[in-house]
C-alpha atoms as a PDB file:
ATOM      1  CA  UNK A   1       2.967   4.731   1.137  1.00  0.00           C
ATOM      2  CA  UNK A   2       3.723   7.279  -1.473  1.00  0.00           C
ATOM      3  CA  UNK A   3       0.981   6.142  -3.961  1.00  0.00           C
ATOM      4  CA  UNK A   4      -2.769   8.099  -2.425  1.00  0.00           C
ATOM      5  CA  UNK A   5      -3.835   5.542  -4.872  1.00  0.00           C
ATOM      6  CA  UNK A   6      -3.686   2.720  -2.419  1.00  0.00           C
ATOM      7  CA  UNK A   7      -6.216   1.615  -0.212  1.00  0.00           C
ATOM      8  CA  UNK A   8      -6.118   1.827   3.368  1.00  0.00           C
ATOM      9  CA  UNK A   9      -5.979  -2.011   4.065  1.00  0.00           C
ATOM     10  CA  UNK A  10      -2.378  -2.805   2.223  1.00  0.00           C
ATOM     11  CA  UNK A  11      -1.126   0.576   3.760  1.00  0.00           C
ATOM     12  CA  UNK A  12      -2.679  -1.212   7.406  1.00  0.00           C
ATOM     13  CA  UNK A  13      -0.617  -4.343   6.442  1.00  0.00           C
ATOM     14  CA  UNK A  14       2.489  -2.741   5.300  1.00  0.00           C
ATOM     15  CA  UNK A  15       2.873  -1.381   8.816  1.00  0.00           C
ATOM     16  CA  UNK A  16       3.293  -4.794  10.346  1.00  0.00           C
ATOM     17  CA  UNK A  17       5.390  -5.965   7.196  1.00  0.00           C
ATOM     18  CA  UNK A  18       8.285  -7.912   8.061  1.00  0.00           C
ATOM     19  CA  UNK A  19      10.865  -4.924   6.202  1.00  0.00           C
ATOM     20  CA  UNK A  20      11.721  -2.617   8.357  1.00  0.00           C
ATOM     21  CA  UNK A  21      12.754  -0.682   5.621  1.00  0.00           C
ATOM     22  CA  UNK A  22       8.913  -0.704   4.669  1.00  0.00           C
ATOM     23  CA  UNK A  23       7.505   0.042   7.875  1.00  0.00           C
ATOM     24  CA  UNK A  24      10.450   2.913   8.046  1.00  0.00           C
ATOM     25  CA  UNK A  25       9.070   4.553   4.725  1.00  0.00           C
ATOM     26  CA  UNK A  26       5.538   4.313   6.366  1.00  0.00           C
ATOM     27  CA  UNK A  27       6.771   6.288   9.384  1.00  0.00           C
ATOM     28  CA  UNK A  28       8.410   8.825   7.480  1.00  0.00           C
ATOM     29  CA  UNK A  29       4.903   9.931   5.478  1.00  0.00           C
ATOM     30  CA  UNK A  30       3.034  12.689   6.453  1.00  0.00           C
ATOM     31  CA  UNK A  31      -0.099  12.061   4.468  1.00  0.00           C
ATOM     32  CA  UNK A  32      -0.367   8.870   6.066  1.00  0.00           C
ATOM     33  CA  UNK A  33      -3.549   8.645   8.171  1.00  0.00           C
ATOM     34  CA  UNK A  34      -2.520   8.861  12.019  1.00  0.00           C
ATOM     35  CA  UNK A  35      -3.871   6.051  13.540  1.00  0.00           C
ATOM     36  CA  UNK A  36      -1.306   3.855  11.189  1.00  0.00           C
ATOM     37  CA  UNK A  37       1.512   6.565  12.185  1.00  0.00           C
ATOM     38  CA  UNK A  38       0.004   5.861  16.183  1.00  0.00           C
ATOM     39  CA  UNK A  39       0.424   2.069  15.858  1.00  0.00           C
ATOM     40  CA  UNK A  40       4.144   2.884  13.876  1.00  0.00           C
ATOM     41  CA  UNK A  41       5.036   4.457  17.198  1.00  0.00           C
ATOM     42  CA  UNK A  42       4.732   0.999  18.865  1.00  0.00           C
ATOM     43  CA  UNK A  43       6.837  -0.479  16.329  1.00  0.00           C
ATOM     44  CA  UNK A  44       9.244  -3.006  17.613  1.00  0.00           C
ATOM     45  CA  UNK A  45      12.633  -0.800  16.179  1.00  0.00           C
ATOM     46  CA  UNK A  46      13.385   2.482  17.773  1.00  0.00           C
ATOM     47  CA  UNK A  47      14.246   3.718  14.623  1.00  0.00           C
ATOM     48  CA  UNK A  48      10.700   3.220  13.048  1.00  0.00           C
ATOM     49  CA  UNK A  49       8.943   4.383  16.734  1.00  0.00           C
ATOM     50  CA  UNK A  50      11.272   7.345  16.560  1.00  0.00           C
ATOM     51  CA  UNK A  51      10.219   8.571  13.185  1.00  0.00           C
ATOM     52  CA  UNK A  52       6.612   7.513  13.560  1.00  0.00           C
ATOM     53  CA  UNK A  53       6.802  10.443  16.982  1.00  0.00           C
ATOM     54  CA  UNK A  54       8.695  12.923  15.142  1.00  0.00           C
ATOM     55  CA  UNK A  55       6.099  12.934  12.214  1.00  0.00           C
ATOM     56  CA  UNK A  56       3.103  13.379  14.489  1.00  0.00           C
ATOM     57  CA  UNK A  57       5.027  16.204  15.818  1.00  0.00           C
ATOM     58  CA  UNK A  58       5.261  17.417  12.445  1.00  0.00           C
ATOM     59  CA  UNK A  59       1.494  17.094  11.964  1.00  0.00           C
ATOM     60  CA  UNK A  60       0.993  18.288  15.195  1.00  0.00           C
ATOM     61  CA  UNK A  61       2.913  21.657  14.834  1.00  0.00           C
ATOM     62  CA  UNK A  62       1.192  22.450  11.253  1.00  0.00           C
ATOM     63  CA  UNK A  63      -1.833  21.825  12.849  1.00  0.00           C
ATOM     64  CA  UNK A  64      -1.230  24.227  15.102  1.00  0.00           C
ATOM     65  CA  UNK A  65       0.165  27.214  12.580  1.00  0.00           C
ATOM     66  CA  UNK A  66      -2.629  26.373  10.617  1.00  0.00           C
ATOM     67  CA  UNK A  67      -5.008  27.275  13.469  1.00  0.00           C
ATOM     68  CA  UNK A  68      -2.946  30.442  14.499  1.00  0.00           C
ATOM     69  CA  UNK A  69      -3.618  31.576  10.624  1.00  0.00           C
ATOM     70  CA  UNK A  70      -0.320  30.538   9.482  1.00  0.00           C
ATOM     71  CA  UNK A  71      -0.970  29.560   5.544  1.00  0.00           C
ATOM     72  CA  UNK A  72       1.757  28.305   3.006  1.00  0.00           C
ATOM     73  CA  UNK A  73       2.455  30.387   0.592  1.00  0.00           C
ATOM     74  CA  UNK A  74       3.764  29.257  -2.999  1.00  0.00           C
END
């Protein structure tokens, strides 16, 4: 999830991994494509679902700030 060079096919497969810790790590990743985060919002584990939903909400909030003209400063 943290490696930007990982092909989408691998990330999609990891979103269905048997290990809840793998899915939870994915759900925390802001760089993950939104459709994979959306899939994790339907996960059987409530912690994975909640984390994926929070990550998507954070992405939406950042998008709204950007649309309002707020930019990140170093």
